[in-house]
Amino acid sequence: MHKSTIKITKNVLLSLLFTITCIGITMGQDSISGKKERKHLVKPAFESGYFIADQTVTIPHAKSLEFVIQHDFGTIQNGWTDLGGLWGASNIHLGLNFSITNHLLVGIGTTKNKRIQNFDLKYTFARQRDGGFPLTIAYYMNFDINCTNKSTFGKDFTATDRFSYFHEIMFARRFGKRISLQLGLAYVHYNIVDSTMKDTHDNTSFKNDNINISGIGRLKVTPQTSIILSYSQPVLTYLNTTPWPNFGLGVEISTSTHCFQIFITSAQGLVPQETVMYNNNNPYNGGILFGFNITRLWSF
């Protein structure tokens, strides 16, 4: 895609996200005229803020500390030589999140691949209410620092070359007791990208940005067990080239303090901008892998 087209598309998306957010804030407030009580909040659409490789609108209760373990194995393409990827190169993410209020969460984490250190923020603008506002709307931001040796960044290295950013606005709804759905629109930026990511229309510039559309869904089959499904598509690429879309299918088992997800997926990045920009696994050609997420909550 031409550089000018990317810039226009990015500006349009950012304007759209700002407009939708403002609408969400306005609509999420109950009118004071003729109303004595706010509508009751609907139970959160998802049990955890983590959903395979995606984020959800869910924030744990205020003053909750959350410990996160994410683990992705290697792809299954080598078959029995590495036991379907279980003996292959894996990626691991450890994180700590703290809910300052019921609407605001901050977090930090570290990831094995590229030695990424991440800083997270999530905020809910509006909550789904019984007979009231129909959606939960949240904003998620991730700021990453790539801590690999500076020699990997090439000539003219500066500290800001390590930085990357992820911004997403999410819309979720719980349909009854069993079904929950979410749509996400995200913008990704890397201050510097791999040399292979040159703009095909301008050989002197690079594709530092991308836009991503994601959809996730959950079907509860018992009070503690759910079937989970996710799909995300980078927009500023073609369907038959990298970065490939990410697909996920799995099972979730949850309690009041724990959430365990085991799944198959295609992306191994574990931080969202890596999933959008650097997914080299083609899910249409067997580029899938096994993974799991574990979260544990403590209340204060």
Protein backbone atom coordinates (compact mmCIF):
# COMPACT_ATOMS: atom_id res chain seq x y z
CA MET A 1 0.00 0.00 0.00
CA HIS A 2 1.28 3.46 -0.90
CA LYS A 3 2.73 5.53 1.94
CA SER A 4 0.22 8.39 1.46
CA THR A 5 -2.67 5.92 1.51
CA ILE A 6 -1.38 4.43 4.77
CA LYS A 7 -1.17 7.89 6.33
CA ILE A 8 -4.73 8.76 5.27
CA THR A 9 -6.05 5.41 6.49
CA LYS A 10 -4.29 5.83 9.84
CA ASN A 11 -5.71 9.32 10.34
CA VAL A 12 -9.22 8.17 9.45
CA LEU A 13 -9.00 5.25 11.89
CA LEU A 14 -7.70 7.40 14.74
CA SER A 15 -10.49 9.91 14.14
CA LEU A 16 -13.01 7.08 14.08
CA LEU A 17 -11.71 5.63 17.34
CA PHE A 18 -11.86 9.06 19.00
CA THR A 19 -15.42 9.64 17.81
CA ILE A 20 -16.61 6.21 18.92
CA THR A 21 -14.97 6.65 22.30
CA CYS A 22 -16.70 10.00 22.84
CA ILE A 23 -20.02 8.48 21.83
CA GLY A 24 -19.44 5.59 24.24
CA ILE A 25 -18.70 7.95 27.12
CA THR A 26 -21.83 9.99 26.38
CA MET A 27 -24.16 7.05 25.88
CA GLY A 28 -22.73 5.22 28.88
CA GLN A 29 -24.07 7.91 31.23
CA ASP A 30 -27.62 7.60 32.47
CA SER A 31 -29.81 10.63 31.99
CA ILE A 32 -30.60 12.27 35.33
CA SER A 33 -34.04 13.38 34.21
CA GLY A 34 -36.79 10.96 35.17
CA LYS A 35 -34.41 8.30 36.56
CA LYS A 36 -33.86 7.59 40.22
CA GLU A 37 -31.62 4.55 39.83
CA ARG A 38 -28.98 3.42 37.39
CA LYS A 39 -29.63 0.17 35.57
CA HIS A 40 -27.89 -2.88 37.03
CA LEU A 41 -24.58 -3.87 35.51
CA VAL A 42 -24.59 -7.06 33.47
CA LYS A 43 -22.10 -9.73 34.55
CA PRO A 44 -18.77 -9.21 32.69
CA ALA A 45 -18.76 -10.64 29.17
CA PHE A 46 -15.51 -12.52 29.81
CA GLU A 47 -13.94 -14.17 32.85
CA SER A 48 -10.45 -12.84 32.16
CA GLY A 49 -8.77 -9.86 30.53
CA TYR A 50 -6.72 -12.33 28.46
CA PHE A 51 -8.23 -14.31 25.61
CA ILE A 52 -5.75 -16.55 23.73
CA ALA A 53 -3.56 -13.83 22.11
CA ASP A 54 -6.07 -10.99 22.55
CA GLN A 55 -7.24 -8.66 25.30
CA THR A 56 -10.85 -8.38 26.48
CA VAL A 57 -12.83 -5.51 28.01
CA THR A 58 -12.76 -7.24 31.39
CA ILE A 59 -10.97 -5.58 34.32
CA PRO A 60 -10.77 -7.38 37.72
CA HIS A 61 -12.38 -5.73 40.73
CA ALA A 62 -10.67 -2.68 42.22
CA LYS A 63 -7.53 -3.35 44.28
CA SER A 64 -6.95 -6.74 42.65
CA LEU A 65 -3.47 -7.99 41.77
CA GLU A 66 -3.29 -10.34 38.80
CA PHE A 67 -0.40 -12.66 37.94
CA VAL A 68 -0.27 -13.82 34.32
CA ILE A 69 1.55 -16.71 32.65
CA GLN A 70 1.32 -17.12 28.87
CA HIS A 71 3.14 -19.93 27.09
CA ASP A 72 3.21 -20.80 23.38
CA PHE A 73 5.02 -23.86 22.04
CA GLY A 74 6.57 -24.29 18.58
CA THR A 75 4.46 -24.97 15.48
CA ILE A 76 3.22 -28.48 14.73
CA GLN A 77 4.63 -28.47 11.17
CA ASN A 78 7.64 -30.65 12.10
CA GLY A 79 5.33 -33.41 13.28
CA TRP A 80 6.77 -36.04 15.59
CA THR A 81 10.36 -34.80 15.28
CA ASP A 82 9.64 -32.25 18.03
CA LEU A 83 6.40 -33.81 19.35
CA GLY A 84 4.10 -31.42 17.56
CA GLY A 85 6.05 -28.37 18.69
CA LEU A 86 6.15 -29.27 22.40
CA TRP A 87 9.93 -29.73 22.14
CA GLY A 88 10.32 -26.80 19.76
CA ALA A 89 11.28 -23.20 20.46
CA SER A 90 8.71 -21.70 22.82
CA ASN A 91 7.78 -18.21 23.93
CA ILE A 92 6.84 -17.22 27.49
CA HIS A 93 5.28 -14.09 28.96
CA LEU A 94 5.00 -13.22 32.66
CA GLY A 95 2.97 -10.25 33.82
CA LEU A 96 1.58 -8.41 36.84
CA ASN A 97 -1.53 -6.24 36.61
CA PHE A 98 -3.19 -4.10 39.27
CA SER A 99 -6.75 -2.76 39.13
CA ILE A 100 -6.62 0.74 40.57
CA THR A 101 -10.42 1.07 40.22
CA ASN A 102 -13.17 -1.04 38.66
CA HIS A 103 -12.50 0.88 35.45
CA LEU A 104 -8.71 1.32 35.36
CA LEU A 105 -5.92 -1.28 35.20
CA VAL A 106 -2.16 -0.88 34.85
CA GLY A 107 0.38 -3.64 34.27
CA ILE A 108 3.95 -4.65 33.52
CA GLY A 109 5.41 -7.78 31.98
CA THR A 110 8.35 -9.48 30.32
CA THR A 111 8.49 -11.75 27.27
CA LYS A 112 11.17 -14.26 26.28
CA ASN A 113 11.33 -13.57 22.53
CA LYS A 114 13.11 -10.27 21.80
CA ARG A 115 13.37 -9.73 25.58
CA ILE A 116 10.36 -7.45 25.44
CA GLN A 117 9.39 -5.42 28.53
CA ASN A 118 5.82 -4.18 28.35
CA PHE A 119 3.74 -1.56 30.14
CA ASP A 120 -0.06 -1.82 29.90
CA LEU A 121 -3.09 0.34 30.57
CA LYS A 122 -6.76 -0.57 30.21
CA TYR A 123 -9.79 1.62 30.87
CA THR A 124 -13.53 0.95 30.49
CA PHE A 125 -15.55 3.92 29.25
CA ALA A 126 -18.97 2.28 29.47
CA ARG A 127 -20.43 -0.91 30.95
CA GLN A 128 -23.27 -3.03 29.65
CA ARG A 129 -26.39 -2.63 31.80
CA ASP A 130 -29.53 -4.72 32.08
CA GLY A 131 -32.15 -2.79 30.15
CA GLY A 132 -29.71 0.08 29.64
CA PHE A 133 -26.53 0.64 27.63
CA PRO A 134 -26.04 -2.45 25.40
CA LEU A 135 -22.22 -2.66 25.25
CA THR A 136 -19.08 -2.59 27.31
CA ILE A 137 -16.50 -0.30 25.69
CA ALA A 138 -12.84 -0.32 26.73
CA TYR A 139 -9.51 1.10 25.60
CA TYR A 140 -6.27 -0.88 25.86
CA MET A 141 -2.76 0.49 25.38
CA ASN A 142 0.54 -1.38 25.35
CA PHE A 143 4.01 0.19 25.29
CA ASP A 144 6.90 -2.21 24.61
CA ILE A 145 10.68 -1.99 24.88
CA ASN A 146 12.77 -4.45 22.89
CA CYS A 147 15.79 -5.19 25.10
CA THR A 148 17.87 -7.29 22.70
CA ASN A 149 21.43 -6.21 21.99
CA LYS A 150 21.63 -2.88 20.18
CA SER A 151 23.60 -4.51 17.36
CA THR A 152 20.32 -6.10 16.19
CA PHE A 153 18.97 -2.65 15.29
CA GLY A 154 21.63 -1.86 12.67
CA LYS A 155 23.41 1.43 12.07
CA ASP A 156 22.52 4.80 13.60
CA PHE A 157 20.95 3.15 16.65
CA THR A 158 19.05 5.31 19.13
CA ALA A 159 17.26 4.24 22.31
CA THR A 160 13.83 5.01 20.85
CA ASP A 161 14.40 2.36 18.17
CA ARG A 162 13.44 -0.15 20.86
CA PHE A 163 9.92 1.26 21.28
CA SER A 164 6.63 -0.02 19.87
CA TYR A 165 3.01 0.88 20.60
CA PHE A 166 -0.40 -0.79 20.47
CA HIS A 167 -3.75 0.99 20.85
CA GLU A 168 -7.12 -0.78 20.72
CA ILE A 169 -10.74 0.15 21.28
CA MET A 170 -12.93 -2.85 22.16
CA PHE A 171 -16.71 -3.35 22.06
CA ALA A 172 -18.18 -6.34 23.88
CA ARG A 173 -21.64 -7.68 24.67
CA ARG A 174 -22.90 -10.56 26.76
CA PHE A 175 -25.88 -12.33 25.21
CA GLY A 176 -27.67 -14.12 28.02
CA LYS A 177 -25.79 -16.54 30.26
CA ARG A 178 -23.81 -18.43 27.61
CA ILE A 179 -22.63 -16.27 24.70
CA SER A 180 -20.22 -13.31 24.73
CA LEU A 181 -18.78 -11.51 21.69
CA GLN A 182 -16.22 -8.74 21.21
CA LEU A 183 -14.97 -6.65 18.28
CA GLY A 184 -11.66 -4.78 18.44
CA LEU A 185 -10.05 -2.09 16.26
CA ALA A 186 -6.32 -1.55 16.83
CA TYR A 187 -3.45 0.60 15.61
CA VAL A 188 0.18 -0.58 15.84
CA HIS A 189 3.39 1.41 15.43
CA TYR A 190 7.06 0.38 15.59
CA ASN A 191 9.73 3.08 15.67
CA ILE A 192 11.95 0.73 13.66
CA VAL A 193 11.10 -2.50 11.80
CA ASP A 194 13.02 -5.32 10.13
CA SER A 195 14.81 -4.54 6.88
CA THR A 196 12.48 -6.97 5.09
CA MET A 197 9.49 -4.69 5.76
CA LYS A 198 10.12 -2.13 3.02
CA ASP A 199 7.23 -0.38 1.32
CA THR A 200 6.80 -2.00 -2.10
CA HIS A 201 5.83 1.37 -3.61
CA ASP A 202 8.68 3.32 -2.01
CA ASN A 203 11.87 1.34 -1.56
CA THR A 204 13.35 3.96 0.77
CA SER A 205 10.60 3.77 3.41
CA PHE A 206 9.36 1.01 5.70
CA LYS A 207 6.01 -0.28 6.88
CA ASN A 208 6.16 0.85 10.51
CA ASP A 209 2.39 0.89 11.02
CA ASN A 210 -0.53 -1.46 10.76
CA ILE A 211 -4.21 -1.61 11.59
CA ASN A 212 -5.85 -4.72 13.00
CA ILE A 213 -9.44 -5.93 13.26
CA SER A 214 -10.15 -8.70 15.76
CA GLY A 215 -13.17 -10.71 16.84
CA ILE A 216 -13.49 -13.07 19.79
CA GLY A 217 -16.32 -15.21 21.07
CA ARG A 218 -17.07 -17.42 24.06
CA LEU A 219 -19.70 -20.13 24.57
CA LYS A 220 -20.19 -21.34 28.14
CA VAL A 221 -20.98 -25.05 28.30
CA THR A 222 -20.90 -25.31 32.12
CA PRO A 223 -20.62 -22.62 34.84
CA GLN A 224 -16.81 -23.04 34.84
CA THR A 225 -16.06 -24.25 31.28
CA SER A 226 -16.26 -22.43 27.95
CA ILE A 227 -15.34 -22.91 24.29
CA ILE A 228 -13.33 -19.90 23.08
CA LEU A 229 -12.64 -18.70 19.52
CA SER A 230 -10.64 -15.76 18.15
CA TYR A 231 -9.58 -14.30 14.80
CA SER A 232 -7.58 -11.16 14.00
CA GLN A 233 -6.65 -9.70 10.62
CA PRO A 234 -3.94 -7.09 9.89
CA VAL A 235 -5.53 -4.66 7.44
CA LEU A 236 -2.54 -3.04 5.71
CA THR A 237 -1.40 -6.35 4.20
CA TYR A 238 -2.73 -8.88 1.77
CA LEU A 239 -4.43 -12.12 2.78
CA ASN A 240 -1.71 -14.24 1.13
CA THR A 241 1.35 -12.50 2.60
CA THR A 242 2.94 -11.91 6.00
CA PRO A 243 2.03 -10.89 8.59
CA TRP A 244 -0.54 -13.67 8.57
CA PRO A 245 -3.87 -13.41 10.41
CA ASN A 246 -4.09 -15.02 13.82
CA PHE A 247 -6.59 -17.77 14.57
CA GLY A 248 -7.31 -19.33 17.95
CA LEU A 249 -9.57 -22.10 19.26
CA GLY A 250 -9.55 -23.50 22.77
CA VAL A 251 -11.15 -24.30 26.10
CA GLU A 252 -11.34 -22.04 29.16
CA ILE A 253 -11.78 -23.22 32.75
CA SER A 254 -12.36 -20.50 35.34
CA THR A 255 -13.01 -19.96 39.03
CA SER A 256 -13.39 -16.79 41.09
CA THR A 257 -9.59 -16.39 41.34
CA HIS A 258 -8.14 -18.50 38.49
CA CYS A 259 -8.58 -18.69 34.74
CA PHE A 260 -6.92 -21.40 32.63
CA GLN A 261 -7.04 -21.46 28.83
CA ILE A 262 -5.56 -24.14 26.58
CA PHE A 263 -5.74 -23.60 22.84
CA ILE A 264 -4.33 -23.84 19.33
CA THR A 265 -3.30 -20.60 17.66
CA SER A 266 -0.96 -19.36 14.92
CA ALA A 267 0.86 -16.33 16.38
CA GLN A 268 3.66 -16.82 18.91
CA GLY A 269 4.36 -13.16 19.76
CA LEU A 270 2.36 -12.99 23.06
CA VAL A 271 2.41 -9.18 23.05
CA PRO A 272 -0.26 -7.76 20.73
CA GLN A 273 1.93 -5.68 18.41
CA GLU A 274 4.14 -8.70 17.74
CA THR A 275 1.06 -10.70 16.82
CA VAL A 276 -0.08 -8.03 14.36
CA MET A 277 3.26 -7.12 12.76
CA TYR A 278 5.39 -10.27 12.94
CA ASN A 279 3.18 -13.33 12.63
CA ASN A 280 5.08 -15.48 10.13
CA ASN A 281 2.98 -18.60 10.76
CA ASN A 282 0.46 -19.23 8.00
CA PRO A 283 -2.65 -20.77 9.65
CA TYR A 284 -3.92 -21.88 6.23
CA ASN A 285 -0.82 -24.03 5.72
CA GLY A 286 -0.47 -25.77 9.08
CA GLY A 287 1.30 -22.89 10.83
CA ILE A 288 -0.42 -23.48 14.17
CA LEU A 289 0.83 -24.22 17.66
CA PHE A 290 -0.36 -25.20 21.13
CA GLY A 291 -0.44 -22.70 23.98
CA PHE A 292 -1.95 -21.92 27.36
CA ASN A 293 -2.73 -18.91 29.56
CA ILE A 294 -3.02 -18.89 33.35
CA THR A 295 -4.17 -15.95 35.47
CA ARG A 296 -4.36 -15.76 39.27
CA LEU A 297 -6.08 -12.98 41.26
CA TRP A 298 -5.49 -11.65 44.77
CA SER A 299 -7.78 -9.02 46.33
CA PHE A 300 -6.65 -6.38 48.82
